[in-house]
Amino acid sequence: MRIEVITIGDEILSGTTLNTNFQYIAEKVSSCGVSVSKHTVCSDEKNELKQTLSDVTQRAKIVITTGGLGPTLDDCTKNILAEFFCSSLRVDEEVKMDLIQRYGHHETIQSQSTVPTNADILKNTIGTAPGFCFQKDGLTLFSLPGVPIEMAEMLETQVIPHLQKLLIHSDKVEIRRISMWNMSENMISPLIENLNRKYPHVQFGIYPGFGILKIAGKSSVKNEKDLDSCFEILKNEYKTQVFCDTFSSVEMALHQLLVKEKKTLVLAESLTGGHIAAKLTNLPGASNYFLGSIVSYSNDVKKNVLGVGGKNLEEKGAVSQEVAIEMAEGALKLASSDYALAVTGVAGPSGGTENKPVGTVWCALSQKNSTTFSWKIMAKGRGKRASVIEYTANYILGALWRYIAHDITPREDER
């Protein structure tokens, strides 16, 4: 059954807003055993939206739209859909009373509680704009708000259960996914090519990130055993680098491991400026293990807070093995933690030298009553500051995960 997604909004087309909604929708739809066939981004202009709806509904039996349901002048999706499905509009008293109870009497209440007569209402428990489900002549269209948190809640609790019922008799596919640390496309490609030859009914997708590689495979239900065989081979070949049996983040893998092992972690960040801490604290329950981060961006903080020796800073420089080790050991001592991670490097785009080019990063791992390890990496994305920082964050979190999970000491020649 063909499924298409329409993202509506001039802010998407202008680049002002990052389109995370489609990624979320596509992932949730694939969990139902089907894939999105096409994604269209459409402006708020009425004629453009009408034409897009006409084109998409001629091809797809299920359509999901997101955006254009708010109370502002450019939010015209509701009216266009009502016209498209030959529906009048009415005030839904249940929606109206719910909005008044949550927000009080407001000038937009009447507008937000006006809904198409021919649509089923999808309740919005977070914001003000309800969603809609239209059904006509074998076509089902779900219209969701554009605000990501509202869209996600409505999709998960109301659209996906409905979608699963619609797909009962469709040709479903089986999907498997894994996430890997410190892998690249060229490293995995030979094995994938061999698997393709041996299992021609399995299709693979390779999705590289900054120090992270995600692999998806799909097959028909009747070829599910072949699909499972492929992913067992992948996991056995790279068992110390597969950190999750689905698409996930390396910080989540480390989060789960530290909670399970009841170990604590502290950070000393120079290059990453708190980015590693942000990754961890974005996860609910991080307080169970994460003690904090010392963002020692200046040499003064390295010396006065972490206790890094002035001699090493002067003779070896802030970006050095010696300083990374002292940063980790200083953080460990301050926090009395089980583990401490430290990073110092050259993020760029300027500041690099012949001996320490942009992307040079020294990492250190110190642990309670044990050895401190240190190693150098050349962070991918040289010249692009954000890329160097993201790569470094993923790398050092993955190195700690691998050390705890598989007792593999981080070292300079990982690749």
Protein backbone atom coordinates (compact mmCIF):
# COMPACT_ATOMS: atom_id res chain seq x y z
CA MET A 1 0.00 0.00 0.00
CA ARG A 2 1.53 3.30 -1.10
CA ILE A 3 2.07 5.88 1.64
CA GLU A 4 3.16 9.46 1.01
CA VAL A 5 3.97 12.35 3.33
CA ILE A 6 3.40 16.07 2.70
CA THR A 7 5.23 18.61 4.85
CA ILE A 8 3.59 22.03 4.62
CA GLY A 9 5.26 25.35 5.42
CA ASP A 10 7.21 28.18 3.83
CA GLU A 11 9.60 28.01 6.79
CA ILE A 12 10.68 24.54 5.65
CA LEU A 13 11.30 25.62 2.06
CA SER A 14 13.25 28.71 3.13
CA GLY A 15 15.52 26.67 5.40
CA THR A 16 14.42 28.61 8.47
CA THR A 17 13.09 25.46 10.14
CA LEU A 18 14.73 22.04 10.04
CA ASN A 19 12.31 19.39 8.81
CA THR A 20 12.56 16.80 11.59
CA ASN A 21 8.90 15.82 11.24
CA PHE A 22 9.39 13.72 8.13
CA GLN A 23 12.23 11.75 9.67
CA TYR A 24 10.07 10.96 12.68
CA ILE A 25 7.03 10.01 10.59
CA ALA A 26 9.05 7.79 8.24
CA GLU A 27 10.64 5.95 11.15
CA LYS A 28 7.31 5.31 12.87
CA VAL A 29 5.64 4.23 9.63
CA SER A 30 8.46 1.77 8.91
CA SER A 31 7.89 0.22 12.34
CA CYS A 32 4.50 -0.87 10.97
CA GLY A 33 6.23 -2.94 8.28
CA VAL A 34 5.88 -0.53 5.37
CA SER A 35 7.91 2.33 3.94
CA VAL A 36 7.04 5.84 2.88
CA SER A 37 7.07 5.94 -0.93
CA LYS A 38 7.52 9.67 -1.41
CA HIS A 39 7.92 12.87 0.57
CA THR A 40 6.77 16.26 -0.74
CA VAL A 41 7.51 19.64 0.81
CA CYS A 42 4.84 22.20 -0.05
CA SER A 43 4.49 25.94 0.57
CA ASP A 44 1.59 27.54 2.46
CA GLU A 45 0.29 29.06 -0.77
CA LYS A 46 -3.28 27.81 -1.32
CA ASN A 47 -3.08 26.89 -4.99
CA GLU A 48 0.23 25.12 -4.44
CA LEU A 49 -1.27 23.06 -1.63
CA LYS A 50 -4.34 22.21 -3.70
CA GLN A 51 -2.20 20.99 -6.58
CA THR A 52 0.03 18.97 -4.28
CA LEU A 53 -2.98 17.26 -2.70
CA SER A 54 -4.39 16.47 -6.12
CA ASP A 55 -1.12 14.96 -7.32
CA VAL A 56 -0.37 12.94 -4.20
CA THR A 57 -3.86 11.50 -3.71
CA GLN A 58 -3.85 10.15 -7.25
CA ARG A 59 -0.86 7.96 -6.37
CA ALA A 60 -1.21 7.07 -2.67
CA LYS A 61 -3.86 5.32 -0.64
CA ILE A 62 -2.55 6.71 2.65
CA VAL A 63 -1.35 10.31 3.01
CA ILE A 64 0.06 12.02 6.10
CA THR A 65 0.33 15.81 6.12
CA THR A 66 2.00 17.93 8.76
CA GLY A 67 1.77 21.69 9.18
CA GLY A 68 -0.61 24.55 8.52
CA LEU A 69 -3.20 23.83 11.22
CA GLY A 70 -2.47 26.77 13.54
CA PRO A 71 -4.49 29.97 14.06
CA THR A 72 -2.33 32.34 11.97
CA LEU A 73 -3.21 33.74 8.54
CA ASP A 74 -0.84 31.43 6.66
CA ASP A 75 -2.33 28.30 8.26
CA CYS A 76 -4.75 27.29 5.53
CA THR A 77 -4.43 23.48 5.54
CA LYS A 78 -7.72 22.85 7.37
CA ASN A 79 -9.79 24.93 4.94
CA ILE A 80 -8.07 23.49 1.86
CA LEU A 81 -8.63 19.94 3.10
CA ALA A 82 -12.28 20.66 3.86
CA GLU A 83 -12.72 21.97 0.32
CA PHE A 84 -10.78 19.02 -1.14
CA PHE A 85 -13.02 16.49 0.65
CA CYS A 86 -16.20 18.50 -0.03
CA SER A 87 -16.77 19.10 3.67
CA SER A 88 -18.41 21.95 5.49
CA LEU A 89 -16.97 23.35 8.72
CA ARG A 90 -18.48 23.28 12.21
CA VAL A 91 -17.53 24.23 15.75
CA ASP A 92 -16.75 21.12 17.77
CA GLU A 93 -17.96 21.82 21.29
CA GLU A 94 -15.81 19.09 22.83
CA VAL A 95 -12.66 20.55 21.30
CA LYS A 96 -13.76 24.05 22.31
CA MET A 97 -14.40 23.14 25.95
CA ASP A 98 -11.08 21.28 26.17
CA LEU A 99 -9.21 24.34 24.89
CA ILE A 100 -11.04 26.67 27.29
CA GLN A 101 -10.23 24.40 30.23
CA ARG A 102 -6.55 24.31 29.31
CA TYR A 103 -6.01 27.87 28.06
CA GLY A 104 -9.02 29.90 29.19
CA HIS A 105 -11.07 32.10 26.85
CA HIS A 106 -8.83 33.23 24.03
CA GLU A 107 -9.43 34.90 20.68
CA THR A 108 -8.18 31.86 18.74
CA ILE A 109 -10.40 29.32 20.54
CA GLN A 110 -13.24 29.64 18.02
CA SER A 111 -10.90 29.23 15.08
CA GLN A 112 -9.05 26.22 16.54
CA SER A 113 -12.27 24.44 17.49
CA THR A 114 -13.74 24.86 14.00
CA VAL A 115 -13.30 21.52 12.25
CA PRO A 116 -14.32 19.82 8.96
CA THR A 117 -17.65 18.01 9.32
CA ASN A 118 -16.52 14.99 7.30
CA ALA A 119 -13.35 14.32 9.33
CA ASP A 120 -12.63 12.34 12.47
CA ILE A 121 -10.94 14.51 15.08
CA LEU A 122 -7.43 13.67 16.30
CA LYS A 123 -7.10 15.18 19.77
CA ASN A 124 -4.20 17.49 20.51
CA THR A 125 -3.35 17.03 24.20
CA ILE A 126 -0.29 19.31 24.06
CA GLY A 127 -1.21 22.27 21.85
CA THR A 128 -4.30 23.93 20.43
CA ALA A 129 -4.67 22.63 16.85
CA PRO A 130 -6.54 19.33 16.51
CA GLY A 131 -5.60 16.93 13.75
CA PHE A 132 -7.95 15.25 11.32
CA CYS A 133 -8.53 11.93 9.58
CA PHE A 134 -10.35 12.02 6.23
CA GLN A 135 -11.54 8.86 4.49
CA LYS A 136 -13.04 8.76 1.01
CA ASP A 137 -13.11 6.23 -1.84
CA GLY A 138 -10.31 4.09 -0.40
CA LEU A 139 -8.14 7.10 0.46
CA THR A 140 -7.14 7.86 4.06
CA LEU A 141 -5.53 11.19 4.86
CA PHE A 142 -4.15 12.13 8.28
CA SER A 143 -3.56 15.84 8.87
CA LEU A 144 -1.23 16.62 11.80
CA PRO A 145 0.09 19.86 13.34
CA GLY A 146 3.55 21.06 12.35
CA VAL A 147 4.85 21.60 15.90
CA PRO A 148 7.12 18.53 16.34
CA ILE A 149 6.14 17.59 19.89
CA GLU A 150 2.42 17.86 19.04
CA MET A 151 2.84 15.94 15.80
CA ALA A 152 4.82 13.15 17.50
CA GLU A 153 2.30 12.60 20.28
CA MET A 154 -0.63 12.55 17.87
CA LEU A 155 1.17 10.24 15.46
CA GLU A 156 2.13 7.70 18.11
CA THR A 157 -1.12 7.56 20.09
CA GLN A 158 -3.73 8.00 17.33
CA VAL A 159 -2.36 7.67 13.81
CA ILE A 160 -0.10 4.61 14.14
CA PRO A 161 -2.82 2.39 15.74
CA HIS A 162 -5.19 3.41 12.93
CA LEU A 163 -2.49 2.81 10.35
CA GLN A 164 -1.79 -0.68 11.67
CA LYS A 165 -5.43 -1.62 11.14
CA LEU A 166 -5.35 -0.29 7.59
CA LEU A 167 -2.25 -2.34 6.82
CA ILE A 168 -3.47 -5.70 8.10
CA HIS A 169 -4.07 -7.05 4.60
CA SER A 170 -1.26 -5.23 2.82
CA ASP A 171 2.08 -6.67 1.70
CA LYS A 172 4.22 -5.94 4.71
CA VAL A 173 7.99 -6.14 4.91
CA GLU A 174 10.27 -7.17 7.72
CA ILE A 175 12.85 -4.59 8.79
CA ARG A 176 16.00 -4.97 10.88
CA ARG A 177 18.38 -2.23 12.01
CA ILE A 178 21.68 -1.93 13.83
CA SER A 179 23.82 1.01 14.99
CA MET A 180 27.62 0.79 14.95
CA TRP A 181 30.40 2.86 16.49
CA ASN A 182 33.55 3.98 14.66
CA MET A 183 32.61 2.43 11.33
CA SER A 184 32.55 3.88 7.82
CA GLU A 185 30.80 2.94 4.59
CA ASN A 186 33.96 1.71 2.90
CA MET A 187 34.69 -0.59 5.86
CA ILE A 188 31.28 -2.27 5.76
CA SER A 189 30.68 -2.27 1.99
CA PRO A 190 32.58 -5.49 1.12
CA LEU A 191 30.55 -7.53 3.61
CA ILE A 192 27.28 -5.92 2.49
CA GLU A 193 28.11 -6.74 -1.14
CA ASN A 194 28.76 -10.38 -0.21
CA LEU A 195 25.47 -10.55 1.68
CA ASN A 196 23.66 -9.05 -1.31
CA ARG A 197 25.01 -11.80 -3.54
CA LYS A 198 24.17 -14.58 -1.07
CA TYR A 199 20.77 -13.18 -0.05
CA PRO A 200 19.40 -11.33 -3.12
CA HIS A 201 15.95 -10.86 -1.57
CA VAL A 202 17.33 -8.68 1.23
CA GLN A 203 17.74 -4.95 0.58
CA PHE A 204 20.22 -2.88 2.58
CA GLY A 205 20.52 0.79 3.41
CA ILE A 206 23.71 2.30 4.88
CA TYR A 207 23.43 5.58 6.77
CA PRO A 208 26.71 7.18 7.92
CA GLY A 209 26.95 9.80 10.65
CA PHE A 210 29.76 11.42 12.63
CA GLY A 211 31.60 8.35 13.90
CA ILE A 212 28.35 6.36 13.79
CA LEU A 213 27.07 4.03 11.07
CA LYS A 214 23.51 2.76 10.87
CA ILE A 215 22.45 -0.17 8.69
CA ALA A 216 18.90 -1.14 7.79
CA GLY A 217 17.76 -4.22 5.95
CA LYS A 218 14.36 -5.24 4.69
CA SER A 219 12.75 -8.23 3.01
CA SER A 220 9.34 -9.71 2.44
CA VAL A 221 7.86 -11.71 5.29
CA LYS A 222 8.58 -14.98 3.48
CA ASN A 223 12.30 -14.10 3.36
CA GLU A 224 12.50 -13.12 7.03
CA LYS A 225 14.94 -15.94 7.84
CA ASP A 226 17.39 -14.63 5.23
CA LEU A 227 17.09 -11.16 6.74
CA ASP A 228 17.81 -12.48 10.22
CA SER A 229 20.80 -14.44 8.91
CA CYS A 230 22.26 -11.28 7.37
CA PHE A 231 22.03 -9.32 10.59
CA GLU A 232 23.41 -12.17 12.67
CA ILE A 233 26.44 -12.21 10.35
CA LEU A 234 26.85 -8.44 10.68
CA LYS A 235 26.59 -8.54 14.46
CA ASN A 236 29.04 -11.44 14.78
CA GLU A 237 31.56 -9.80 12.45
CA TYR A 238 31.45 -6.48 14.31
CA LYS A 239 30.24 -7.58 17.74
CA THR A 240 32.37 -5.07 19.65
CA GLN A 241 31.13 -2.15 17.55
CA VAL A 242 27.39 -2.85 17.27
CA PHE A 243 26.02 -0.87 20.19
CA CYS A 244 22.30 -1.24 19.46
CA ASP A 245 19.95 -3.62 17.63
CA THR A 246 17.98 -0.69 16.29
CA PHE A 247 18.65 2.91 15.24
CA SER A 248 19.86 4.66 18.36
CA SER A 249 22.53 7.02 19.64
CA VAL A 250 25.81 6.02 21.23
CA GLU A 251 24.98 8.17 24.25
CA MET A 252 21.85 6.09 24.80
CA ALA A 253 23.90 2.88 24.68
CA LEU A 254 26.35 4.28 27.24
CA HIS A 255 23.47 5.65 29.33
CA GLN A 256 21.87 2.22 29.58
CA LEU A 257 25.18 0.54 30.36
CA LEU A 258 26.16 2.95 33.14
CA VAL A 259 22.72 2.64 34.74
CA LYS A 260 22.95 -1.16 34.56
CA GLU A 261 26.48 -1.26 35.99
CA LYS A 262 25.67 1.42 38.60
CA LYS A 263 28.77 3.42 37.63
CA THR A 264 29.23 7.18 37.60
CA LEU A 265 30.81 9.50 35.04
CA VAL A 266 32.29 12.98 35.04
CA LEU A 267 33.62 14.97 32.06
CA ALA A 268 36.36 17.51 31.42
CA GLU A 269 35.60 19.22 28.12
CA SER A 270 37.69 21.75 26.28
CA LEU A 271 37.19 21.21 22.54
CA THR A 272 33.53 20.13 22.88
CA GLY A 273 32.52 22.99 25.20
CA GLY A 274 29.79 21.05 27.04
CA HIS A 275 28.39 19.25 23.98
CA ILE A 276 29.08 15.81 25.43
CA ALA A 277 27.31 16.77 28.66
CA ALA A 278 24.34 18.04 26.67
CA LYS A 279 24.04 14.71 24.88
CA LEU A 280 23.90 12.84 28.17
CA THR A 281 21.60 15.20 30.06
CA ASN A 282 19.14 15.14 27.17
CA LEU A 283 18.31 11.58 28.24
CA PRO A 284 15.84 11.09 31.11
CA GLY A 285 17.53 9.41 34.06
CA ALA A 286 21.02 10.74 33.34
CA SER A 287 21.23 11.91 36.96
CA ASN A 288 21.58 8.26 37.97
CA TYR A 289 25.17 8.23 36.75
CA PHE A 290 26.24 11.59 35.31
CA LEU A 291 27.88 13.85 37.90
CA GLY A 292 28.74 16.84 35.74
CA SER A 293 31.17 18.42 33.30
CA ILE A 294 33.97 20.91 33.79
CA VAL A 295 34.10 23.00 30.62
CA SER A 296 37.74 23.99 30.92
CA TYR A 297 37.93 26.06 27.77
CA SER A 298 40.67 28.36 29.02
CA ASN A 299 44.10 27.40 30.33
CA ASP A 300 43.28 29.21 33.57
CA VAL A 301 40.36 26.88 34.27
CA LYS A 302 42.47 23.88 33.29
CA LYS A 303 45.07 24.95 35.87
CA ASN A 304 42.92 26.40 38.66
CA VAL A 305 40.00 23.95 38.59
CA LEU A 306 41.38 20.71 37.17
CA GLY A 307 44.91 21.10 38.44
CA VAL A 308 46.64 20.82 35.07
CA GLY A 309 50.31 21.74 35.44
CA GLY A 310 51.45 25.03 33.99
CA LYS A 311 54.63 23.39 32.70
CA ASN A 312 52.70 20.98 30.48
CA LEU A 313 50.47 23.77 29.19
CA GLU A 314 53.50 25.88 28.31
CA GLU A 315 55.78 23.17 26.90
CA LYS A 316 53.32 20.66 25.42
CA GLY A 317 50.36 22.96 24.76
CA ALA A 318 46.69 22.65 25.68
CA VAL A 319 46.20 20.12 22.87
CA SER A 320 48.47 17.36 24.09
CA GLN A 321 48.45 13.92 25.63
CA GLU A 322 49.83 15.21 28.90
CA VAL A 323 47.13 17.85 29.32
CA ALA A 324 44.33 15.42 28.39
CA ILE A 325 45.54 13.00 31.06
CA GLU A 326 45.72 15.71 33.72
CA MET A 327 42.26 16.97 32.79
CA ALA A 328 40.73 13.50 33.20
CA GLU A 329 42.53 12.79 36.44
CA GLY A 330 41.65 16.22 37.82
CA ALA A 331 37.95 15.73 37.03
CA LEU A 332 37.99 12.24 38.56
CA LYS A 333 39.48 13.60 41.76
CA LEU A 334 37.01 16.50 41.96
CA ALA A 335 33.93 14.35 41.50
CA SER A 336 35.02 11.05 43.08
CA SER A 337 33.53 9.33 40.04
CA ASP A 338 34.03 5.83 38.65
CA TYR A 339 35.02 7.18 35.24
CA ALA A 340 36.22 10.49 33.85
CA LEU A 341 36.51 11.42 30.19
CA ALA A 342 38.52 14.38 28.89
CA VAL A 343 38.89 15.94 25.45
CA THR A 344 41.10 18.73 24.21
CA GLY A 345 41.73 19.58 20.56
CA VAL A 346 41.57 21.93 17.60
CA ALA A 347 37.99 22.36 16.36
CA GLY A 348 38.79 24.88 13.62
CA PRO A 349 38.28 26.27 11.14
CA SER A 350 41.37 28.22 12.25
CA GLY A 351 43.95 27.54 14.94
CA GLY A 352 45.57 24.49 13.37
CA THR A 353 49.32 24.10 12.86
CA GLU A 354 51.52 21.73 10.87
CA ASN A 355 51.98 19.52 13.94
CA LYS A 356 48.43 19.94 15.22
CA PRO A 357 46.10 20.47 12.25
CA VAL A 358 42.38 21.15 12.63
CA GLY A 359 40.71 17.97 13.83
CA THR A 360 43.55 16.92 16.15
CA VAL A 361 41.99 15.67 19.38
CA TRP A 362 43.54 14.16 22.48
CA CYS A 363 41.21 12.03 24.60
CA ALA A 364 41.72 10.52 28.03
CA LEU A 365 39.83 8.01 30.15
CA SER A 366 40.60 7.89 33.86
CA GLN A 367 39.01 5.45 36.29
CA LYS A 368 38.83 5.04 40.02
CA ASN A 369 41.80 3.15 41.49
CA SER A 370 43.11 2.19 38.07
CA THR A 371 45.00 3.29 34.97
CA THR A 372 44.43 6.39 32.86
CA PHE A 373 44.35 5.78 29.12
CA SER A 374 44.98 8.47 26.53
CA TRP A 375 44.87 8.44 22.75
CA LYS A 376 44.78 10.77 19.78
CA ILE A 377 42.16 10.88 17.04
CA MET A 378 41.83 12.91 13.87
CA ALA A 379 38.22 14.03 14.03
CA LYS A 380 36.34 13.75 10.76
CA GLY A 381 34.95 16.91 9.25
CA ARG A 382 38.20 18.83 9.39
CA GLY A 383 37.60 22.50 8.79
CA LYS A 384 33.96 22.29 9.87
CA ARG A 385 33.81 23.12 13.53
CA ALA A 386 30.43 21.56 14.33
CA SER A 387 31.41 18.34 12.56
CA VAL A 388 34.66 18.01 14.50
CA ILE A 389 32.82 18.55 17.78
CA GLU A 390 30.05 16.06 16.96
CA TYR A 391 32.50 13.42 15.78
CA THR A 392 34.62 13.84 18.91
CA ALA A 393 31.60 13.57 21.22
CA ASN A 394 30.34 10.40 19.56
CA TYR A 395 33.82 8.92 19.44
CA ILE A 396 34.72 9.31 23.10
CA LEU A 397 31.29 8.19 24.35
CA GLY A 398 31.58 5.12 22.14
CA ALA A 399 35.11 4.43 23.35
CA LEU A 400 33.90 4.35 26.96
CA TRP A 401 30.91 2.15 26.03
CA ARG A 402 33.24 -0.31 24.27
CA TYR A 403 35.68 -0.33 27.18
CA ILE A 404 32.97 -1.14 29.72
CA ALA A 405 30.97 -3.54 27.53
CA HIS A 406 33.86 -5.42 25.90
CA ASP A 407 36.95 -4.55 27.99
CA ILE A 408 38.69 -3.07 24.94
CA THR A 409 41.18 -0.36 25.81
CA PRO A 410 40.85 2.81 23.69
CA ARG A 411 43.90 3.33 21.52
CA GLU A 412 45.18 5.61 18.82
CA ASP A 413 45.02 3.07 16.01
CA GLU A 414 41.31 2.16 16.29
CA ARG A 415 40.96 2.41 12.51
